[in-house]
Amino acid sequence: MQYVGDYLVKPEYTIVPWNASQPQYVGLPLTDAPPAVCTVFNAAAALRIPVPETWNIPIGEAYVAEAMGLRMQGNRISFMDEEERKFQEDMKKAGMK
């Protein structure tokens, strides 16, 4: 997505109306914002700093802030060690994930 690097370009999007009487997954699937944009906004919220400032922090710090923000929201976070990474890779190779 070109607009990630250009603050002067407005992203194209459609507001999808919410209809509580229908199942959640009706119609075409939604397209999420680029991962970099999501990470920056999630990290800014978790760190409680302005978004422009968040664009300038190291990406690793942004990823950690994003994870901790998810944790603060009540999600259970399990960081992967080398053994878990290998297990996940084996699952992918076996077509189980």
C-alpha atoms as a PDB file:
ATOM      1  CA  MET A   1       0.000   0.000   0.000  1.00  0.00           C
ATOM      2  CA  GLN A   2       1.544   3.212  -1.180  1.00  0.00           C
ATOM      3  CA  TYR A   3      -0.038   5.485   1.392  1.00  0.00           C
ATOM      4  CA  VAL A   4       1.911   3.976   4.293  1.00  0.00           C
ATOM      5  CA  GLY A   5       4.913   6.073   3.282  1.00  0.00           C
ATOM      6  CA  ASP A   6       3.024   9.142   2.107  1.00  0.00           C
ATOM      7  CA  TYR A   7       1.017  11.143   4.637  1.00  0.00           C
ATOM      8  CA  LEU A   8      -0.463  13.320   1.873  1.00  0.00           C
ATOM      9  CA  VAL A   9      -2.399  10.483   0.248  1.00  0.00           C
ATOM     10  CA  LYS A  10      -5.824   9.596   1.624  1.00  0.00           C
ATOM     11  CA  PRO A  11      -6.342   5.833   1.783  1.00  0.00           C
ATOM     12  CA  GLU A  12      -9.324   4.481  -0.096  1.00  0.00           C
ATOM     13  CA  TYR A  13     -11.814   2.673   2.106  1.00  0.00           C
ATOM     14  CA  THR A  14     -15.473   1.866   2.487  1.00  0.00           C
ATOM     15  CA  ILE A  15     -17.408   2.034   5.727  1.00  0.00           C
ATOM     16  CA  VAL A  16     -19.231  -1.249   6.121  1.00  0.00           C
ATOM     17  CA  PRO A  17     -22.480  -0.757   8.039  1.00  0.00           C
ATOM     18  CA  TRP A  18     -23.030  -3.002  11.046  1.00  0.00           C
ATOM     19  CA  ASN A  19     -26.222  -5.057  10.991  1.00  0.00           C
ATOM     20  CA  ALA A  20     -26.843  -6.829  14.292  1.00  0.00           C
ATOM     21  CA  SER A  21     -29.610  -8.953  12.764  1.00  0.00           C
ATOM     22  CA  GLN A  22     -27.177 -10.716  10.408  1.00  0.00           C
ATOM     23  CA  PRO A  23     -24.305 -13.084  11.153  1.00  0.00           C
ATOM     24  CA  GLN A  24     -20.942 -11.382  11.456  1.00  0.00           C
ATOM     25  CA  TYR A  25     -19.487 -12.815   8.232  1.00  0.00           C
ATOM     26  CA  VAL A  26     -21.967 -11.812   5.529  1.00  0.00           C
ATOM     27  CA  GLY A  27     -20.878 -10.537   2.143  1.00  0.00           C
ATOM     28  CA  LEU A  28     -17.357  -9.912   0.974  1.00  0.00           C
ATOM     29  CA  PRO A  29     -14.496 -10.238   3.464  1.00  0.00           C
ATOM     30  CA  LEU A  30     -13.118  -7.019   4.908  1.00  0.00           C
ATOM     31  CA  THR A  31      -9.654  -5.853   3.914  1.00  0.00           C
ATOM     32  CA  ASP A  32      -7.536  -4.814   6.885  1.00  0.00           C
ATOM     33  CA  ALA A  33      -5.182  -1.874   6.960  1.00  0.00           C
ATOM     34  CA  PRO A  34      -1.550  -2.740   6.187  1.00  0.00           C
ATOM     35  CA  PRO A  35       0.199  -4.454   9.121  1.00  0.00           C
ATOM     36  CA  ALA A  36       2.588  -1.515   9.600  1.00  0.00           C
ATOM     37  CA  VAL A  37      -0.334   0.874  10.090  1.00  0.00           C
ATOM     38  CA  CYS A  38      -2.045  -1.461  12.569  1.00  0.00           C
ATOM     39  CA  THR A  39       1.193  -1.928  14.528  1.00  0.00           C
ATOM     40  CA  VAL A  40       1.825   1.820  14.761  1.00  0.00           C
ATOM     41  CA  PHE A  41      -1.692   2.641  15.941  1.00  0.00           C
ATOM     42  CA  ASN A  42      -1.791  -0.292  18.392  1.00  0.00           C
ATOM     43  CA  ALA A  43       1.643   0.654  19.764  1.00  0.00           C
ATOM     44  CA  ALA A  44       0.632   4.323  20.087  1.00  0.00           C
ATOM     45  CA  ALA A  45      -2.449   3.317  22.077  1.00  0.00           C
ATOM     46  CA  ALA A  46      -0.455   0.948  24.306  1.00  0.00           C
ATOM     47  CA  LEU A  47       2.329   3.468  24.913  1.00  0.00           C
ATOM     48  CA  ARG A  48      -0.115   6.370  25.185  1.00  0.00           C
ATOM     49  CA  ILE A  49       1.961   8.495  22.838  1.00  0.00           C
ATOM     50  CA  PRO A  50       0.978  10.373  19.659  1.00  0.00           C
ATOM     51  CA  VAL A  51       0.881   8.393  16.417  1.00  0.00           C
ATOM     52  CA  PRO A  52       3.483  10.638  14.688  1.00  0.00           C
ATOM     53  CA  GLU A  53       5.899   9.905  17.521  1.00  0.00           C
ATOM     54  CA  THR A  54       5.191   6.180  17.246  1.00  0.00           C
ATOM     55  CA  TRP A  55       6.288   6.110  13.590  1.00  0.00           C
ATOM     56  CA  ASN A  56       9.790   7.000  14.822  1.00  0.00           C
ATOM     57  CA  ILE A  57      10.309   4.287  17.439  1.00  0.00           C
ATOM     58  CA  PRO A  58      12.259   1.138  16.519  1.00  0.00           C
ATOM     59  CA  ILE A  59      10.030  -1.539  14.960  1.00  0.00           C
ATOM     60  CA  GLY A  60      10.931  -4.081  17.645  1.00  0.00           C
ATOM     61  CA  GLU A  61       9.778  -1.672  20.339  1.00  0.00           C
ATOM     62  CA  ALA A  62       6.542  -1.096  18.424  1.00  0.00           C
ATOM     63  CA  TYR A  63       5.925  -4.862  18.207  1.00  0.00           C
ATOM     64  CA  VAL A  64       6.516  -5.281  21.950  1.00  0.00           C
ATOM     65  CA  ALA A  65       4.230  -2.329  22.734  1.00  0.00           C
ATOM     66  CA  GLU A  66       1.561  -3.806  20.477  1.00  0.00           C
ATOM     67  CA  ALA A  67       1.806  -7.183  22.258  1.00  0.00           C
ATOM     68  CA  MET A  68       1.692  -5.583  25.684  1.00  0.00           C
ATOM     69  CA  GLY A  69      -1.293  -3.509  24.596  1.00  0.00           C
ATOM     70  CA  LEU A  70      -3.092  -6.730  23.691  1.00  0.00           C
ATOM     71  CA  ARG A  71      -2.156  -8.075  27.121  1.00  0.00           C
ATOM     72  CA  MET A  72      -3.534  -4.943  28.814  1.00  0.00           C
ATOM     73  CA  GLN A  73      -6.809  -5.578  26.963  1.00  0.00           C
ATOM     74  CA  GLY A  74      -7.060  -8.945  28.700  1.00  0.00           C
ATOM     75  CA  ASN A  75      -5.559 -11.185  26.017  1.00  0.00           C
ATOM     76  CA  ARG A  76      -3.273 -13.984  27.110  1.00  0.00           C
ATOM     77  CA  ILE A  77       0.083 -13.540  25.385  1.00  0.00           C
ATOM     78  CA  SER A  78       2.540 -16.404  24.988  1.00  0.00           C
ATOM     79  CA  PHE A  79       5.874 -15.398  23.515  1.00  0.00           C
ATOM     80  CA  MET A  80       7.438 -18.077  21.349  1.00  0.00           C
ATOM     81  CA  ASP A  81      10.786 -19.581  22.136  1.00  0.00           C
ATOM     82  CA  GLU A  82      12.868 -21.592  19.658  1.00  0.00           C
ATOM     83  CA  GLU A  83      11.091 -24.844  20.540  1.00  0.00           C
ATOM     84  CA  GLU A  84       7.654 -23.296  19.916  1.00  0.00           C
ATOM     85  CA  ARG A  85       8.828 -21.772  16.598  1.00  0.00           C
ATOM     86  CA  LYS A  86       9.969 -25.200  15.435  1.00  0.00           C
ATOM     87  CA  PHE A  87       6.665 -26.748  16.523  1.00  0.00           C
ATOM     88  CA  GLN A  88       4.705 -24.077  14.618  1.00  0.00           C
ATOM     89  CA  GLU A  89       6.851 -24.625  11.510  1.00  0.00           C
ATOM     90  CA  ASP A  90       6.323 -28.389  11.714  1.00  0.00           C
ATOM     91  CA  MET A  91       2.558 -27.804  11.982  1.00  0.00           C
ATOM     92  CA  LYS A  92       2.622 -25.621   8.860  1.00  0.00           C
ATOM     93  CA  LYS A  93       4.617 -28.199   6.932  1.00  0.00           C
ATOM     94  CA  ALA A  94       2.112 -30.873   7.959  1.00  0.00           C
ATOM     95  CA  GLY A  95      -0.727 -28.642   6.708  1.00  0.00           C
ATOM     96  CA  MET A  96      -2.243 -28.360  10.159  1.00  0.00           C
ATOM     97  CA  LYS A  97      -2.126 -24.585  10.411  1.00  0.00           C
END
